[in-house]
Amino acid sequence: MADGVNSAGLACAELQFPIRAVYQSNLSTTKLNLTPQDLIFWVLFEHDSVSAVEADLANIELVARPWLVGDKIFSFHWIISDKNGECLIIESTKDGRLVVNSELGVLTNSPDYPTHVANLTTELNTNNGLAALKASAKQRVLANEIPTATNTPHYKVFICSHC
């Protein structure tokens, strides 16, 4: 499973995060060890809201271990949203785990979330905060000024439907 939604209306998507994704090399003896591929199952099977996931994050460790068969460790970052409109971004990098409550409600494959927001700010020509960023994006969509596709294959964007 790469993206999903559970019966409580909690949705989770994993997006490609090559080069920047860093996971723990040693297994934790005090936390639940999850591979990057396991996180989406843990989110959707064990939780019913973004706040429940956020409260439980301290109890897990993202570890660099192959999943099922093969020896591949996937590089992901995740966006989680719930029926209340809450949205959470999770990234694991060399600087540690970044957890952001995102009012923006959007995530793409790389770059990391802070760079993504900076790029949006530049692209939408506004640096007056989140409200201005959202207003500028909405104006462009309503005017059908959709950015042209890049040459990046398998580009994936997840937009929180409640944001």
N, C-alpha and C. Protein backbone atom coordinates (compact mmCIF):
# COMPACT_ATOMS: atom_id res chain seq x y z
N MET A 1 0.85 -1.17 0.00
CA MET A 1 0.00 0.00 0.00
C MET A 1 0.89 1.24 0.00
N ALA A 2 0.61 2.17 -0.89
CA ALA A 2 1.39 3.39 -0.96
C ALA A 2 0.62 4.58 -0.41
N ASP A 3 -0.67 4.60 -0.58
CA ASP A 3 -1.53 5.66 -0.06
C ASP A 3 -2.81 4.98 0.41
N GLY A 4 -3.47 5.56 1.40
CA GLY A 4 -4.70 4.93 1.84
C GLY A 4 -5.49 5.82 2.77
N VAL A 5 -6.70 5.36 3.04
CA VAL A 5 -7.59 6.02 3.99
C VAL A 5 -8.28 4.94 4.81
N ASN A 6 -8.46 5.19 6.09
CA ASN A 6 -9.11 4.19 6.93
C ASN A 6 -10.57 4.56 7.19
N SER A 7 -11.28 3.73 7.92
CA SER A 7 -12.71 3.93 8.15
C SER A 7 -13.02 5.16 8.99
N ALA A 8 -12.02 5.69 9.69
CA ALA A 8 -12.21 6.92 10.48
C ALA A 8 -12.00 8.18 9.66
N GLY A 9 -11.61 8.00 8.39
CA GLY A 9 -11.37 9.16 7.53
C GLY A 9 -9.96 9.70 7.63
N LEU A 10 -9.06 8.92 8.20
CA LEU A 10 -7.65 9.31 8.27
C LEU A 10 -6.96 8.84 7.00
N ALA A 11 -6.27 9.75 6.32
CA ALA A 11 -5.59 9.42 5.07
C ALA A 11 -4.09 9.61 5.24
N CYS A 12 -3.32 8.77 4.56
CA CYS A 12 -1.87 8.87 4.61
C CYS A 12 -1.31 8.57 3.23
N ALA A 13 -0.35 9.38 2.80
CA ALA A 13 0.34 9.15 1.53
C ALA A 13 1.84 9.21 1.78
N GLU A 14 2.56 8.31 1.13
CA GLU A 14 4.02 8.33 1.19
C GLU A 14 4.50 8.83 -0.16
N LEU A 15 5.39 9.79 -0.13
CA LEU A 15 5.93 10.39 -1.34
C LEU A 15 7.43 10.20 -1.37
N GLN A 16 7.97 10.11 -2.56
CA GLN A 16 9.40 9.87 -2.73
C GLN A 16 10.22 11.00 -2.12
N PHE A 17 11.27 10.62 -1.41
CA PHE A 17 12.12 11.57 -0.71
C PHE A 17 13.58 11.11 -0.80
N PRO A 18 14.07 10.90 -2.03
CA PRO A 18 15.44 10.37 -2.18
C PRO A 18 16.49 11.36 -1.70
N ILE A 19 17.62 10.84 -1.36
CA ILE A 19 18.82 11.56 -0.93
C ILE A 19 18.65 12.17 0.46
N ARG A 20 17.55 12.81 0.73
CA ARG A 20 17.38 13.50 2.02
C ARG A 20 16.87 12.61 3.14
N ALA A 21 16.18 11.54 2.81
CA ALA A 21 15.63 10.67 3.85
C ALA A 21 16.76 9.93 4.57
N VAL A 22 16.73 9.99 5.89
CA VAL A 22 17.71 9.29 6.72
C VAL A 22 16.95 8.63 7.86
N TYR A 23 17.22 7.35 8.04
CA TYR A 23 16.55 6.58 9.09
C TYR A 23 17.61 6.02 10.04
N GLN A 24 17.19 5.65 11.23
CA GLN A 24 18.11 5.12 12.24
C GLN A 24 18.70 3.79 11.77
N SER A 25 19.98 3.63 11.99
CA SER A 25 20.63 2.38 11.58
C SER A 25 20.50 1.30 12.65
N ASN A 26 20.34 1.69 13.91
CA ASN A 26 20.21 0.72 15.00
C ASN A 26 18.76 0.60 15.44
N LEU A 27 18.36 -0.62 15.77
CA LEU A 27 17.02 -0.84 16.28
C LEU A 27 16.90 -0.28 17.69
N SER A 28 15.75 0.28 18.00
CA SER A 28 15.49 0.78 19.34
C SER A 28 15.05 -0.37 20.24
N THR A 29 15.46 -0.31 21.49
CA THR A 29 15.02 -1.33 22.45
C THR A 29 13.81 -0.84 23.25
N THR A 30 13.45 0.44 23.07
CA THR A 30 12.35 1.00 23.86
C THR A 30 11.17 1.48 23.02
N LYS A 31 11.32 1.47 21.70
CA LYS A 31 10.27 1.96 20.82
C LYS A 31 9.90 0.90 19.79
N LEU A 32 8.76 1.10 19.16
CA LEU A 32 8.36 0.24 18.06
C LEU A 32 9.19 0.62 16.84
N ASN A 33 9.93 -0.33 16.31
CA ASN A 33 10.77 -0.10 15.13
C ASN A 33 9.94 -0.30 13.87
N LEU A 34 9.91 0.72 13.03
CA LEU A 34 9.17 0.66 11.77
C LEU A 34 10.09 1.01 10.62
N THR A 35 10.00 0.23 9.54
CA THR A 35 10.69 0.63 8.32
C THR A 35 9.88 1.74 7.67
N PRO A 36 10.46 2.49 6.74
CA PRO A 36 9.68 3.52 6.06
C PRO A 36 8.42 2.95 5.40
N GLN A 37 8.49 1.72 4.92
CA GLN A 37 7.35 1.09 4.26
C GLN A 37 6.25 0.71 5.26
N ASP A 38 6.60 0.55 6.53
CA ASP A 38 5.63 0.17 7.56
C ASP A 38 4.83 1.35 8.11
N LEU A 39 5.35 2.55 7.98
CA LEU A 39 4.73 3.70 8.64
C LEU A 39 3.28 3.89 8.23
N ILE A 40 2.98 3.77 6.94
CA ILE A 40 1.61 4.00 6.48
C ILE A 40 0.64 3.01 7.10
N PHE A 41 1.06 1.75 7.27
CA PHE A 41 0.20 0.76 7.91
C PHE A 41 -0.03 1.12 9.38
N TRP A 42 1.03 1.50 10.06
CA TRP A 42 0.94 1.90 11.47
C TRP A 42 -0.01 3.07 11.62
N VAL A 43 0.12 4.07 10.76
CA VAL A 43 -0.75 5.25 10.83
C VAL A 43 -2.21 4.84 10.66
N LEU A 44 -2.50 4.10 9.59
CA LEU A 44 -3.89 3.82 9.24
C LEU A 44 -4.54 2.73 10.09
N PHE A 45 -3.77 1.76 10.57
CA PHE A 45 -4.36 0.68 11.35
C PHE A 45 -4.48 1.00 12.83
N GLU A 46 -3.65 1.92 13.32
CA GLU A 46 -3.59 2.18 14.75
C GLU A 46 -4.20 3.52 15.19
N HIS A 47 -4.64 4.36 14.25
CA HIS A 47 -5.04 5.72 14.61
C HIS A 47 -6.32 6.14 13.89
N ASP A 48 -6.98 7.15 14.47
CA ASP A 48 -8.20 7.65 13.86
C ASP A 48 -8.17 9.15 13.57
N SER A 49 -7.05 9.80 13.90
CA SER A 49 -6.95 11.24 13.66
C SER A 49 -5.48 11.65 13.60
N VAL A 50 -5.26 12.83 13.05
CA VAL A 50 -3.91 13.39 13.00
C VAL A 50 -3.38 13.58 14.42
N SER A 51 -4.20 14.07 15.32
CA SER A 51 -3.73 14.30 16.69
C SER A 51 -3.32 12.99 17.36
N ALA A 52 -4.02 11.90 17.08
CA ALA A 52 -3.65 10.60 17.65
C ALA A 52 -2.30 10.14 17.11
N VAL A 53 -2.07 10.35 15.82
CA VAL A 53 -0.77 9.99 15.23
C VAL A 53 0.32 10.82 15.87
N GLU A 54 0.09 12.12 15.93
CA GLU A 54 1.10 13.02 16.48
C GLU A 54 1.45 12.66 17.93
N ALA A 55 0.45 12.32 18.72
CA ALA A 55 0.68 11.95 20.12
C ALA A 55 1.46 10.65 20.25
N ASP A 56 1.36 9.78 19.24
CA ASP A 56 1.99 8.46 19.29
C ASP A 56 3.37 8.41 18.63
N LEU A 57 3.77 9.47 17.94
CA LEU A 57 5.03 9.46 17.19
C LEU A 57 6.26 9.23 18.07
N ALA A 58 6.21 9.68 19.31
CA ALA A 58 7.36 9.50 20.21
C ALA A 58 7.61 8.03 20.53
N ASN A 59 6.64 7.18 20.23
CA ASN A 59 6.74 5.75 20.56
C ASN A 59 7.29 4.90 19.43
N ILE A 60 7.66 5.55 18.31
CA ILE A 60 8.19 4.77 17.18
C ILE A 60 9.58 5.25 16.80
N GLU A 61 10.29 4.36 16.13
CA GLU A 61 11.59 4.69 15.54
C GLU A 61 11.54 4.26 14.08
N LEU A 62 11.89 5.17 13.19
CA LEU A 62 12.00 4.82 11.77
C LEU A 62 13.40 4.28 11.53
N VAL A 63 13.46 3.03 11.09
CA VAL A 63 14.75 2.34 10.98
C VAL A 63 15.05 1.96 9.54
N ALA A 64 16.31 1.97 9.22
CA ALA A 64 16.80 1.62 7.88
C ALA A 64 16.94 0.11 7.80
N ARG A 65 15.84 -0.55 7.46
CA ARG A 65 15.83 -2.00 7.31
C ARG A 65 15.04 -2.35 6.06
N PRO A 66 15.47 -3.38 5.35
CA PRO A 66 14.69 -3.83 4.19
C PRO A 66 13.30 -4.28 4.63
N TRP A 67 12.37 -4.21 3.71
CA TRP A 67 10.98 -4.56 4.00
C TRP A 67 10.59 -5.79 3.21
N LEU A 68 10.02 -6.75 3.89
CA LEU A 68 9.59 -8.01 3.29
C LEU A 68 10.73 -8.66 2.51
N VAL A 69 10.55 -8.88 1.22
CA VAL A 69 11.61 -9.51 0.43
C VAL A 69 12.45 -8.44 -0.24
N GLY A 70 13.66 -8.80 -0.58
CA GLY A 70 14.56 -7.84 -1.22
C GLY A 70 15.37 -7.10 -0.18
N ASP A 71 16.23 -6.25 -0.67
CA ASP A 71 17.08 -5.53 0.27
C ASP A 71 17.00 -4.02 0.06
N LYS A 72 15.87 -3.56 -0.43
CA LYS A 72 15.70 -2.13 -0.70
C LYS A 72 15.10 -1.42 0.52
N ILE A 73 15.66 -0.26 0.81
CA ILE A 73 15.11 0.62 1.83
C ILE A 73 14.58 1.85 1.10
N PHE A 74 13.29 2.05 1.15
CA PHE A 74 12.67 3.13 0.41
C PHE A 74 12.83 4.47 1.12
N SER A 75 12.93 5.52 0.33
CA SER A 75 13.08 6.89 0.85
C SER A 75 11.75 7.61 0.71
N PHE A 76 11.08 7.82 1.83
CA PHE A 76 9.77 8.47 1.83
C PHE A 76 9.72 9.64 2.80
N HIS A 77 8.78 10.54 2.55
CA HIS A 77 8.22 11.41 3.56
C HIS A 77 6.72 11.30 3.42
N TRP A 78 5.97 11.72 4.44
CA TRP A 78 4.55 11.39 4.50
C TRP A 78 3.70 12.62 4.78
N ILE A 79 2.48 12.57 4.26
CA ILE A 79 1.46 13.56 4.58
C ILE A 79 0.26 12.79 5.11
N ILE A 80 -0.30 13.26 6.19
CA ILE A 80 -1.43 12.61 6.85
C ILE A 80 -2.51 13.67 7.05
N SER A 81 -3.75 13.32 6.72
CA SER A 81 -4.85 14.26 6.95
C SER A 81 -6.05 13.51 7.50
N ASP A 82 -6.91 14.24 8.18
CA ASP A 82 -8.10 13.60 8.74
C ASP A 82 -9.36 14.37 8.36
N LYS A 83 -10.49 13.83 8.75
CA LYS A 83 -11.77 14.41 8.35
C LYS A 83 -12.03 15.76 9.02
N ASN A 84 -11.24 16.11 10.02
CA ASN A 84 -11.39 17.41 10.69
C ASN A 84 -10.58 18.51 10.00
N GLY A 85 -9.85 18.14 8.94
CA GLY A 85 -9.05 19.13 8.21
C GLY A 85 -7.64 19.30 8.73
N GLU A 86 -7.26 18.48 9.71
CA GLU A 86 -5.89 18.55 10.22
C GLU A 86 -4.96 17.86 9.23
N CYS A 87 -3.74 18.36 9.13
CA CYS A 87 -2.78 17.83 8.19
C CYS A 87 -1.41 17.82 8.84
N LEU A 88 -0.70 16.70 8.70
CA LEU A 88 0.60 16.51 9.33
C LEU A 88 1.60 16.04 8.29
N ILE A 89 2.79 16.64 8.31
CA ILE A 89 3.90 16.23 7.46
C ILE A 89 4.94 15.57 8.36
N ILE A 90 5.48 14.43 7.92
CA ILE A 90 6.55 13.75 8.66
C ILE A 90 7.71 13.52 7.71
N GLU A 91 8.89 13.97 8.14
CA GLU A 91 10.13 13.75 7.38
C GLU A 91 11.22 13.31 8.35
N SER A 92 12.02 12.36 7.92
CA SER A 92 13.16 11.91 8.71
C SER A 92 14.42 12.22 7.91
N THR A 93 15.25 13.13 8.43
CA THR A 93 16.45 13.58 7.72
C THR A 93 17.66 13.46 8.64
N LYS A 94 18.81 13.87 8.13
CA LYS A 94 20.03 13.83 8.94
C LYS A 94 19.92 14.76 10.16
N ASP A 95 19.01 15.72 10.09
CA ASP A 95 18.80 16.64 11.21
C ASP A 95 17.78 16.14 12.21
N GLY A 96 17.24 14.95 11.99
CA GLY A 96 16.24 14.39 12.89
C GLY A 96 14.87 14.32 12.23
N ARG A 97 13.88 14.07 13.03
CA ARG A 97 12.52 13.95 12.51
C ARG A 97 11.83 15.31 12.54
N LEU A 98 11.31 15.69 11.40
CA LEU A 98 10.54 16.92 11.28
C LEU A 98 9.07 16.53 11.25
N VAL A 99 8.29 17.12 12.15
CA VAL A 99 6.85 16.91 12.18
C VAL A 99 6.21 18.28 12.12
N VAL A 100 5.42 18.52 11.09
CA VAL A 100 4.83 19.83 10.87
C VAL A 100 3.32 19.71 10.75
N ASN A 101 2.59 20.48 11.55
CA ASN A 101 1.16 20.62 11.32
C ASN A 101 1.02 21.60 10.18
N SER A 102 0.56 21.12 9.05
CA SER A 102 0.58 21.91 7.83
C SER A 102 -0.79 22.47 7.49
N GLU A 103 -0.93 23.76 7.61
CA GLU A 103 -2.16 24.41 7.15
C GLU A 103 -2.17 24.51 5.63
N LEU A 104 -1.02 24.39 5.03
CA LEU A 104 -0.92 24.44 3.58
C LEU A 104 -1.57 23.21 2.95
N GLY A 105 -1.39 22.05 3.57
CA GLY A 105 -2.07 20.84 3.15
C GLY A 105 -1.62 20.26 1.83
N VAL A 106 -0.36 20.45 1.50
CA VAL A 106 0.15 19.90 0.25
C VAL A 106 1.58 19.40 0.45
N LEU A 107 1.91 18.32 -0.25
CA LEU A 107 3.26 17.79 -0.22
C LEU A 107 3.53 17.13 -1.57
N THR A 108 4.75 17.26 -2.03
CA THR A 108 5.15 16.61 -3.27
C THR A 108 6.29 15.65 -2.97
N ASN A 109 6.71 14.90 -3.98
CA ASN A 109 7.97 14.20 -3.85
C ASN A 109 9.01 15.26 -3.51
N SER A 110 10.25 14.89 -3.27
CA SER A 110 11.28 15.87 -2.88
C SER A 110 11.04 17.21 -3.55
N PRO A 111 11.32 18.29 -2.90
CA PRO A 111 12.26 18.51 -1.80
C PRO A 111 11.61 18.34 -0.43
N ASP A 112 12.39 18.69 0.62
CA ASP A 112 11.85 18.64 1.96
C ASP A 112 10.78 19.72 2.11
N TYR A 113 9.98 19.60 3.15
CA TYR A 113 8.83 20.50 3.31
C TYR A 113 9.24 21.97 3.43
N PRO A 114 10.24 22.33 4.24
CA PRO A 114 10.62 23.75 4.30
C PRO A 114 11.04 24.31 2.93
N THR A 115 11.77 23.53 2.15
CA THR A 115 12.18 23.97 0.82
C THR A 115 10.97 24.07 -0.10
N HIS A 116 10.06 23.12 0.03
CA HIS A 116 8.83 23.13 -0.76
C HIS A 116 8.05 24.43 -0.52
N VAL A 117 7.89 24.80 0.75
CA VAL A 117 7.16 26.03 1.09
C VAL A 117 7.91 27.25 0.55
N ALA A 118 9.24 27.26 0.66
CA ALA A 118 10.03 28.37 0.12
C ALA A 118 9.88 28.47 -1.39
N ASN A 119 9.89 27.33 -2.08
CA ASN A 119 9.70 27.33 -3.53
C ASN A 119 8.31 27.83 -3.91
N LEU A 120 7.30 27.43 -3.16
CA LEU A 120 5.95 27.93 -3.43
C LEU A 120 5.87 29.43 -3.22
N THR A 121 6.51 29.90 -2.18
CA THR A 121 6.51 31.34 -1.89
C THR A 121 7.13 32.10 -3.05
N THR A 122 8.23 31.58 -3.60
CA THR A 122 8.89 32.22 -4.74
C THR A 122 8.00 32.12 -5.98
N GLU A 123 7.50 30.94 -6.27
CA GLU A 123 6.68 30.72 -7.46
C GLU A 123 5.42 31.58 -7.46
N LEU A 124 4.82 31.72 -6.28
CA LEU A 124 3.57 32.47 -6.17
C LEU A 124 3.81 33.94 -5.86
N ASN A 125 5.08 34.31 -5.78
CA ASN A 125 5.47 35.71 -5.61
C ASN A 125 4.82 36.38 -4.40
N THR A 126 4.89 35.69 -3.28
CA THR A 126 4.37 36.27 -2.05
C THR A 126 5.21 35.80 -0.88
N ASN A 127 5.46 36.69 0.04
CA ASN A 127 6.15 36.32 1.28
C ASN A 127 5.43 36.91 2.47
N ASN A 128 4.11 37.02 2.34
CA ASN A 128 3.29 37.63 3.38
C ASN A 128 2.57 36.61 4.24
N GLY A 129 3.13 35.42 4.35
CA GLY A 129 2.56 34.41 5.22
C GLY A 129 1.65 33.43 4.52
N LEU A 130 1.14 32.51 5.32
CA LEU A 130 0.36 31.39 4.81
C LEU A 130 -0.93 31.84 4.12
N ALA A 131 -1.63 32.79 4.71
CA ALA A 131 -2.90 33.24 4.12
C ALA A 131 -2.67 33.81 2.72
N ALA A 132 -1.62 34.60 2.55
CA ALA A 132 -1.32 35.18 1.23
C ALA A 132 -0.90 34.08 0.25
N LEU A 133 -0.16 33.10 0.73
CA LEU A 133 0.27 31.99 -0.12
C LEU A 133 -0.94 31.20 -0.62
N LYS A 134 -1.87 30.89 0.29
CA LYS A 134 -3.07 30.15 -0.09
C LYS A 134 -3.93 30.97 -1.05
N ALA A 135 -4.05 32.26 -0.80
CA ALA A 135 -4.87 33.13 -1.66
C ALA A 135 -4.27 33.21 -3.07
N SER A 136 -2.96 33.33 -3.14
CA SER A 136 -2.30 33.41 -4.44
C SER A 136 -2.46 32.10 -5.21
N ALA A 137 -2.32 30.97 -4.52
CA ALA A 137 -2.49 29.67 -5.16
C ALA A 137 -3.92 29.51 -5.67
N LYS A 138 -4.89 29.88 -4.86
CA LYS A 138 -6.29 29.77 -5.25
C LYS A 138 -6.59 30.64 -6.47
N GLN A 139 -6.03 31.85 -6.47
CA GLN A 139 -6.24 32.77 -7.60
C GLN A 139 -5.68 32.16 -8.90
N ARG A 140 -4.52 31.55 -8.81
CA ARG A 140 -3.93 30.93 -10.00
C ARG A 140 -4.77 29.76 -10.51
N VAL A 141 -5.25 28.94 -9.58
CA VAL A 141 -6.07 27.81 -9.99
C VAL A 141 -7.36 28.29 -10.64
N LEU A 142 -8.02 29.26 -10.03
CA LEU A 142 -9.26 29.79 -10.59
C LEU A 142 -9.06 30.44 -11.95
N ALA A 143 -7.88 31.00 -12.18
CA ALA A 143 -7.56 31.61 -13.47
C ALA A 143 -7.00 30.59 -14.46
N ASN A 144 -6.97 29.31 -14.03
CA ASN A 144 -6.45 28.23 -14.85
C ASN A 144 -4.98 28.43 -15.23
N GLU A 145 -4.24 29.05 -14.35
CA GLU A 145 -2.80 29.27 -14.55
C GLU A 145 -2.04 28.15 -13.84
N ILE A 146 -2.21 26.96 -14.35
CA ILE A 146 -1.58 25.78 -13.77
C ILE A 146 -0.15 25.68 -14.30
N PRO A 147 0.83 25.46 -13.42
CA PRO A 147 2.21 25.33 -13.88
C PRO A 147 2.36 24.19 -14.89
N THR A 148 3.27 24.37 -15.82
CA THR A 148 3.51 23.31 -16.79
C THR A 148 4.29 22.19 -16.12
N ALA A 149 4.12 21.01 -16.65
CA ALA A 149 4.79 19.84 -16.09
C ALA A 149 6.30 19.95 -16.29
N THR A 150 7.02 19.37 -15.36
CA THR A 150 8.48 19.31 -15.46
C THR A 150 8.85 18.01 -16.14
N ASN A 151 10.12 17.80 -16.31
CA ASN A 151 10.57 16.55 -16.91
C ASN A 151 10.86 15.49 -15.86
N THR A 152 10.39 15.73 -14.64
CA THR A 152 10.59 14.77 -13.57
C THR A 152 9.58 13.64 -13.69
N PRO A 153 10.05 12.41 -13.88
CA PRO A 153 9.11 11.30 -14.01
C PRO A 153 8.47 10.95 -12.67
N HIS A 154 7.28 10.42 -12.73
CA HIS A 154 6.58 9.93 -11.56
C HIS A 154 6.41 10.99 -10.49
N TYR A 155 6.15 12.21 -10.90
CA TYR A 155 5.95 13.30 -9.98
C TYR A 155 4.59 13.16 -9.32
N LYS A 156 4.54 13.21 -8.05
CA LYS A 156 3.31 12.96 -7.33
C LYS A 156 3.06 14.09 -6.34
N VAL A 157 1.83 14.57 -6.30
CA VAL A 157 1.44 15.61 -5.36
C VAL A 157 0.26 15.10 -4.57
N PHE A 158 0.28 15.29 -3.27
CA PHE A 158 -0.85 14.93 -2.43
C PHE A 158 -1.37 16.21 -1.82
N ILE A 159 -2.65 16.47 -2.03
CA ILE A 159 -3.27 17.68 -1.49
C ILE A 159 -4.34 17.24 -0.52
N CYS A 160 -4.28 17.76 0.69
CA CYS A 160 -5.28 17.47 1.70
C CYS A 160 -6.61 18.04 1.23
N SER A 161 -7.61 17.23 1.12
CA SER A 161 -8.90 17.68 0.57
C SER A 161 -9.65 18.62 1.52
N HIS A 162 -9.23 18.69 2.77
CA HIS A 162 -9.92 19.54 3.72
C HIS A 162 -9.22 20.87 3.93
N CYS A 163 -8.05 21.06 3.33
CA CYS A 163 -7.25 22.26 3.60
C CYS A 163 -7.55 23.34 2.58
